[in-house]
């Protein structure tokens, strides 16, 4: 994931890592690529959090499927216990 993509709008010469390099790095190291984002501009913020949550869920369920983690070990909640600000 790349942050501060909003810099590219005003000063593309400040880019330190090209998108293609990051995608290839993730692929070569078995990492999940989450597209570039900007908290300042609100670009891909929700998508980033959803992708991370989905990956965590998928990984946990795969461990359960393989028998390496009991389903009871997962902290599943039926009610929303998050704080809303």
N, C-alpha and C. Protein backbone atom coordinates (compact mmCIF):
# COMPACT_ATOMS: atom_id res chain seq x y z
N UNK A 1 0.85 -1.16 0.00
CA UNK A 1 0.00 0.00 0.00
C UNK A 1 0.90 1.24 0.00
N UNK A 2 0.53 2.19 -0.76
CA UNK A 2 1.25 3.45 -0.78
C UNK A 2 0.37 4.53 -0.19
N UNK A 3 0.95 5.36 0.62
CA UNK A 3 0.20 6.44 1.23
C UNK A 3 0.67 7.77 0.63
N UNK A 4 -0.13 8.76 0.80
CA UNK A 4 0.17 10.11 0.33
C UNK A 4 0.17 10.22 -1.19
N UNK A 5 -0.71 9.48 -1.82
CA UNK A 5 -0.81 9.56 -3.28
C UNK A 5 -1.21 10.97 -3.71
N UNK A 6 -1.77 11.75 -2.78
CA UNK A 6 -2.16 13.13 -3.10
C UNK A 6 -0.96 13.99 -3.49
N UNK A 7 0.24 13.61 -3.05
CA UNK A 7 1.45 14.34 -3.42
C UNK A 7 1.61 14.34 -4.94
N UNK A 8 1.17 13.26 -5.57
CA UNK A 8 1.34 13.12 -7.01
C UNK A 8 0.57 14.18 -7.79
N UNK A 9 -0.46 14.74 -7.18
CA UNK A 9 -1.24 15.76 -7.88
C UNK A 9 -0.44 17.05 -8.07
N UNK A 10 0.37 17.39 -7.07
CA UNK A 10 1.11 18.65 -7.11
C UNK A 10 2.60 18.50 -7.41
N UNK A 11 3.19 17.39 -6.97
CA UNK A 11 4.64 17.24 -7.12
C UNK A 11 5.01 15.80 -7.43
N UNK A 12 4.74 15.34 -8.65
CA UNK A 12 5.03 13.93 -8.97
C UNK A 12 6.50 13.55 -8.85
N UNK A 13 7.38 14.53 -8.90
CA UNK A 13 8.81 14.23 -8.78
C UNK A 13 9.20 13.79 -7.37
N UNK A 14 8.29 13.96 -6.39
CA UNK A 14 8.57 13.54 -5.02
C UNK A 14 8.32 12.05 -4.79
N UNK A 15 7.78 11.37 -5.79
CA UNK A 15 7.51 9.93 -5.65
C UNK A 15 8.83 9.21 -5.40
N UNK A 16 8.84 8.37 -4.35
CA UNK A 16 10.05 7.63 -4.00
C UNK A 16 10.03 6.20 -4.52
N UNK A 17 8.83 5.63 -4.65
CA UNK A 17 8.68 4.26 -5.15
C UNK A 17 7.59 4.27 -6.21
N UNK A 18 7.89 3.73 -7.36
CA UNK A 18 6.89 3.67 -8.41
C UNK A 18 5.88 2.57 -8.11
N UNK A 19 4.65 2.80 -8.51
CA UNK A 19 3.56 1.86 -8.26
C UNK A 19 3.92 0.46 -8.75
N UNK A 20 4.48 0.37 -9.93
CA UNK A 20 4.84 -0.93 -10.50
C UNK A 20 5.84 -1.67 -9.63
N UNK A 21 6.79 -0.93 -9.04
CA UNK A 21 7.77 -1.54 -8.16
C UNK A 21 7.09 -2.14 -6.93
N UNK A 22 6.15 -1.41 -6.38
CA UNK A 22 5.44 -1.88 -5.19
C UNK A 22 4.60 -3.12 -5.50
N UNK A 23 3.92 -3.10 -6.64
CA UNK A 23 3.10 -4.25 -7.04
C UNK A 23 3.98 -5.49 -7.20
N UNK A 24 5.11 -5.34 -7.87
CA UNK A 24 6.02 -6.47 -8.07
C UNK A 24 6.61 -6.97 -6.75
N UNK A 25 6.96 -6.05 -5.87
CA UNK A 25 7.50 -6.42 -4.56
C UNK A 25 6.48 -7.27 -3.80
N UNK A 26 5.23 -6.81 -3.79
CA UNK A 26 4.18 -7.56 -3.10
C UNK A 26 4.00 -8.94 -3.70
N UNK A 27 3.96 -9.00 -5.01
CA UNK A 27 3.80 -10.29 -5.70
C UNK A 27 4.95 -11.23 -5.37
N UNK A 28 6.18 -10.72 -5.42
CA UNK A 28 7.36 -11.56 -5.20
C UNK A 28 7.51 -12.03 -3.76
N UNK A 29 6.90 -11.31 -2.81
CA UNK A 29 7.03 -11.66 -1.40
C UNK A 29 5.73 -12.21 -0.79
N UNK A 30 4.76 -12.51 -1.64
CA UNK A 30 3.51 -13.09 -1.16
C UNK A 30 2.68 -12.14 -0.32
N UNK A 31 2.79 -10.87 -0.60
CA UNK A 31 2.04 -9.86 0.16
C UNK A 31 0.81 -9.41 -0.61
N UNK A 32 -0.14 -8.86 0.10
CA UNK A 32 -1.35 -8.35 -0.53
C UNK A 32 -1.09 -6.92 -0.98
N UNK A 33 -1.41 -6.64 -2.24
CA UNK A 33 -1.29 -5.28 -2.76
C UNK A 33 -2.60 -4.56 -2.51
N UNK A 34 -2.51 -3.44 -1.84
CA UNK A 34 -3.66 -2.57 -1.64
C UNK A 34 -3.30 -1.27 -2.34
N UNK A 35 -4.14 -0.84 -3.22
CA UNK A 35 -3.81 0.29 -4.09
C UNK A 35 -3.44 1.55 -3.31
N UNK A 36 -2.82 2.46 -3.99
CA UNK A 36 -2.37 3.70 -3.39
C UNK A 36 -3.53 4.46 -2.75
N UNK A 37 -3.23 5.15 -1.66
CA UNK A 37 -4.29 5.85 -0.94
C UNK A 37 -3.80 7.22 -0.46
N UNK A 38 -4.76 7.99 -0.01
CA UNK A 38 -4.46 9.30 0.57
C UNK A 38 -5.48 9.57 1.66
N UNK A 39 -5.00 9.66 2.89
CA UNK A 39 -5.90 10.02 3.98
C UNK A 39 -6.37 11.47 3.81
N UNK A 40 -5.50 12.32 3.32
CA UNK A 40 -5.83 13.72 3.12
C UNK A 40 -7.00 13.90 2.15
N UNK A 41 -6.97 13.15 1.06
CA UNK A 41 -8.01 13.29 0.02
C UNK A 41 -9.10 12.23 0.14
N UNK A 42 -8.96 11.30 1.05
CA UNK A 42 -9.95 10.25 1.21
C UNK A 42 -9.96 9.23 0.08
N UNK A 43 -8.81 8.99 -0.52
CA UNK A 43 -8.70 8.05 -1.63
C UNK A 43 -8.33 6.67 -1.10
N UNK A 44 -9.17 5.68 -1.38
CA UNK A 44 -8.94 4.27 -1.04
C UNK A 44 -8.77 3.99 0.45
N UNK A 45 -9.28 4.84 1.32
CA UNK A 45 -9.16 4.61 2.76
C UNK A 45 -10.06 3.46 3.20
N UNK A 46 -11.35 3.54 2.87
CA UNK A 46 -12.28 2.47 3.23
C UNK A 46 -11.85 1.15 2.61
N UNK A 47 -11.45 1.19 1.36
CA UNK A 47 -11.03 -0.02 0.66
C UNK A 47 -9.83 -0.67 1.35
N UNK A 48 -8.93 0.14 1.87
CA UNK A 48 -7.75 -0.38 2.57
C UNK A 48 -8.16 -1.12 3.83
N UNK A 49 -9.01 -0.51 4.65
CA UNK A 49 -9.44 -1.16 5.88
C UNK A 49 -10.24 -2.43 5.60
N UNK A 50 -11.11 -2.40 4.59
CA UNK A 50 -11.88 -3.59 4.25
C UNK A 50 -10.97 -4.70 3.74
N UNK A 51 -9.97 -4.36 2.94
CA UNK A 51 -9.05 -5.37 2.42
C UNK A 51 -8.25 -6.02 3.54
N UNK A 52 -7.80 -5.23 4.50
CA UNK A 52 -7.05 -5.78 5.63
C UNK A 52 -7.94 -6.69 6.47
N UNK A 53 -9.16 -6.24 6.76
CA UNK A 53 -10.09 -7.05 7.55
C UNK A 53 -10.42 -8.36 6.84
N UNK A 54 -10.63 -8.28 5.53
CA UNK A 54 -10.94 -9.48 4.76
C UNK A 54 -9.77 -10.47 4.77
N UNK A 55 -8.55 -9.95 4.65
CA UNK A 55 -7.37 -10.82 4.66
C UNK A 55 -7.20 -11.49 6.02
N UNK A 56 -7.44 -10.76 7.10
CA UNK A 56 -7.37 -11.34 8.44
C UNK A 56 -8.40 -12.45 8.58
N UNK A 57 -9.62 -12.17 8.17
CA UNK A 57 -10.70 -13.16 8.24
C UNK A 57 -10.34 -14.40 7.42
N UNK A 58 -9.91 -14.20 6.18
CA UNK A 58 -9.57 -15.34 5.31
C UNK A 58 -8.44 -16.18 5.91
N UNK A 59 -7.44 -15.52 6.48
CA UNK A 59 -6.31 -16.22 7.07
C UNK A 59 -6.75 -17.04 8.28
N UNK A 60 -7.59 -16.43 9.13
CA UNK A 60 -8.08 -17.15 10.30
C UNK A 60 -8.93 -18.35 9.88
N UNK A 61 -9.79 -18.17 8.91
CA UNK A 61 -10.65 -19.27 8.48
C UNK A 61 -9.84 -20.39 7.83
N UNK A 62 -8.77 -20.03 7.14
CA UNK A 62 -7.89 -21.05 6.55
C UNK A 62 -7.20 -21.86 7.66
N UNK A 63 -6.79 -21.20 8.73
CA UNK A 63 -6.17 -21.90 9.86
C UNK A 63 -7.18 -22.84 10.52
N UNK A 64 -8.42 -22.39 10.63
CA UNK A 64 -9.47 -23.25 11.19
C UNK A 64 -9.68 -24.45 10.27
N UNK A 65 -9.77 -24.20 8.98
CA UNK A 65 -9.99 -25.27 8.00
C UNK A 65 -8.88 -26.33 8.06
N UNK A 66 -7.65 -25.88 8.26
CA UNK A 66 -6.51 -26.81 8.33
C UNK A 66 -6.38 -27.49 9.68
N UNK A 67 -7.19 -27.07 10.64
CA UNK A 67 -7.13 -27.67 11.97
C UNK A 67 -6.03 -27.10 12.85
N UNK A 68 -5.46 -25.99 12.45
CA UNK A 68 -4.37 -25.39 13.22
C UNK A 68 -4.88 -24.38 14.25
N UNK A 69 -6.17 -24.06 14.18
CA UNK A 69 -6.78 -23.11 15.10
C UNK A 69 -8.23 -23.53 15.32
N UNK A 70 -8.62 -23.70 16.59
CA UNK A 70 -10.02 -24.06 16.82
C UNK A 70 -10.93 -22.85 16.60
N UNK A 71 -12.10 -23.11 16.06
CA UNK A 71 -13.05 -22.03 15.80
C UNK A 71 -13.34 -21.25 17.08
N UNK A 72 -13.35 -21.94 18.21
CA UNK A 72 -13.63 -21.29 19.49
C UNK A 72 -12.57 -20.26 19.86
N UNK A 73 -11.38 -20.35 19.25
CA UNK A 73 -10.30 -19.41 19.56
C UNK A 73 -10.53 -18.04 18.92
N UNK A 74 -11.40 -18.01 17.91
CA UNK A 74 -11.67 -16.74 17.24
C UNK A 74 -12.58 -15.90 18.11
N UNK A 75 -12.33 -14.65 18.17
CA UNK A 75 -13.13 -13.75 19.00
C UNK A 75 -14.23 -13.16 18.13
N UNK A 76 -15.28 -13.93 17.93
CA UNK A 76 -16.40 -13.48 17.12
C UNK A 76 -17.43 -12.81 18.03
N UNK A 77 -17.98 -11.73 17.56
CA UNK A 77 -19.00 -11.02 18.33
C UNK A 77 -20.26 -10.89 17.51
N UNK A 78 -21.38 -11.12 18.14
CA UNK A 78 -22.64 -10.97 17.45
C UNK A 78 -23.12 -9.52 17.47
N UNK A 79 -22.66 -8.77 18.45
CA UNK A 79 -23.10 -7.38 18.58
C UNK A 79 -21.93 -6.45 18.28
N UNK A 80 -22.25 -5.29 17.79
CA UNK A 80 -21.23 -4.27 17.51
C UNK A 80 -20.79 -3.66 18.84
N UNK A 81 -19.53 -3.91 19.20
CA UNK A 81 -19.01 -3.38 20.45
C UNK A 81 -18.00 -2.26 20.22
N UNK A 82 -17.91 -1.79 18.98
CA UNK A 82 -16.95 -0.75 18.66
C UNK A 82 -17.42 0.60 19.21
N UNK A 83 -16.49 1.46 19.41
CA UNK A 83 -16.80 2.82 19.86
C UNK A 83 -17.09 3.67 18.63
N UNK A 84 -18.10 4.46 18.74
CA UNK A 84 -18.46 5.35 17.62
C UNK A 84 -18.15 6.79 18.05
N UNK A 85 -17.31 7.42 17.31
CA UNK A 85 -16.94 8.80 17.63
C UNK A 85 -17.61 9.76 16.69
